[in-house]
């Protein structure tokens, strides 16, 4: 069993193989990375929206349209990174 406490992972031996524990730990890491990427995307979108407003763009519909396009681009970049993570970490080898 994997228990996340205070930012640390604790493993309790309940008859689960080492490989299962590693897979579980990698999934926790994967979801943590996904959450971090979503936070970075949201921050980037806020900054992008503010830059459009600072450039003098007044039409809120146009701003939202541009932000939506930018969001899709950022999410596509983020998802490709997640796929790469899954491909490189899906098979766990115990030495």
Protein backbone atom coordinates (compact mmCIF):
# COMPACT_ATOMS: atom_id res chain seq x y z
CA UNK A 1 0.00 0.00 0.00
CA UNK A 2 1.30 3.45 -0.85
CA UNK A 3 0.44 6.25 1.52
CA UNK A 4 1.16 9.86 0.58
CA UNK A 5 1.79 11.87 3.73
CA UNK A 6 3.30 15.31 3.94
CA UNK A 7 4.64 15.07 0.40
CA UNK A 8 6.42 11.77 1.09
CA UNK A 9 5.50 8.28 0.00
CA UNK A 10 5.36 5.55 2.62
CA UNK A 11 5.13 1.91 1.60
CA UNK A 12 3.38 -0.59 3.83
CA UNK A 13 4.16 -4.23 3.16
CA UNK A 14 0.82 -5.93 2.66
CA UNK A 15 1.95 -8.77 0.41
CA UNK A 16 2.17 -6.68 -2.75
CA UNK A 17 5.06 -7.28 -5.12
CA UNK A 18 7.81 -4.70 -5.50
CA UNK A 19 6.79 -4.20 -9.11
CA UNK A 20 3.21 -3.33 -8.08
CA UNK A 21 4.49 -0.86 -5.52
CA UNK A 22 6.71 0.77 -8.15
CA UNK A 23 3.82 1.01 -10.61
CA UNK A 24 1.65 2.58 -7.94
CA UNK A 25 4.38 5.07 -7.04
CA UNK A 26 4.83 5.96 -10.71
CA UNK A 27 1.10 6.54 -11.11
CA UNK A 28 1.11 8.87 -8.11
CA UNK A 29 4.07 10.71 -9.61
CA UNK A 30 2.33 10.86 -12.99
CA UNK A 31 -0.85 12.39 -11.51
CA UNK A 32 1.20 14.85 -9.47
CA UNK A 33 3.01 15.92 -12.66
CA UNK A 34 -0.33 16.30 -14.46
CA UNK A 35 -1.63 18.57 -11.72
CA UNK A 36 1.55 20.64 -11.87
CA UNK A 37 1.26 20.97 -15.65
CA UNK A 38 -2.36 22.11 -15.31
CA UNK A 39 -1.30 24.74 -12.79
CA UNK A 40 1.43 25.98 -15.13
CA UNK A 41 -1.06 26.12 -18.02
CA UNK A 42 -3.51 28.17 -15.95
CA UNK A 43 -0.77 30.59 -14.89
CA UNK A 44 0.39 30.93 -18.51
CA UNK A 45 -3.19 31.67 -19.61
CA UNK A 46 -3.64 34.34 -16.94
CA UNK A 47 -0.39 35.98 -18.04
CA UNK A 48 -1.39 35.74 -21.71
CA UNK A 49 -4.81 37.29 -21.00
CA UNK A 50 -3.17 40.14 -19.06
CA UNK A 51 -0.68 40.75 -21.88
CA UNK A 52 -3.52 41.02 -24.40
CA UNK A 53 -5.27 43.54 -22.16
CA UNK A 54 -2.03 45.50 -21.68
CA UNK A 55 -1.60 45.62 -25.48
CA UNK A 56 -4.89 47.50 -25.56
CA UNK A 57 -7.23 44.73 -26.66
CA UNK A 58 -10.68 45.69 -25.34
CA UNK A 59 -13.02 43.15 -26.93
CA UNK A 60 -13.53 40.47 -24.27
CA UNK A 61 -14.89 37.98 -26.81
CA UNK A 62 -11.75 38.32 -28.92
CA UNK A 63 -9.55 37.95 -25.83
CA UNK A 64 -11.39 34.78 -24.79
CA UNK A 65 -11.12 33.38 -28.32
CA UNK A 66 -7.36 33.94 -28.36
CA UNK A 67 -6.99 32.50 -24.84
CA UNK A 68 -8.98 29.39 -25.88
CA UNK A 69 -6.68 28.86 -28.87
CA UNK A 70 -3.63 29.34 -26.65
CA UNK A 71 -5.09 26.88 -24.08
CA UNK A 72 -5.49 24.19 -26.75
CA UNK A 73 -1.89 24.69 -27.85
CA UNK A 74 -0.55 24.49 -24.29
CA UNK A 75 -2.68 21.45 -23.46
CA UNK A 76 -1.54 19.66 -26.61
CA UNK A 77 2.09 20.29 -25.66
CA UNK A 78 1.41 19.09 -22.11
CA UNK A 79 -0.38 15.93 -23.24
CA UNK A 80 2.46 14.95 -25.52
CA UNK A 81 4.76 15.21 -22.50
CA UNK A 82 2.42 12.97 -20.50
CA UNK A 83 2.41 10.35 -23.26
CA UNK A 84 6.22 10.38 -23.28
CA UNK A 85 6.23 9.86 -19.50
CA UNK A 86 3.86 6.90 -19.77
CA UNK A 87 5.83 5.28 -22.56
CA UNK A 88 9.13 5.53 -20.71
CA UNK A 89 7.76 4.46 -17.31
CA UNK A 90 5.03 1.94 -18.14
CA UNK A 91 7.33 -1.09 -17.82
CA UNK A 92 9.07 -1.15 -14.47
CA UNK A 93 12.27 -3.15 -14.20
CA UNK A 94 13.48 -4.17 -10.77
CA UNK A 95 17.24 -4.73 -10.54
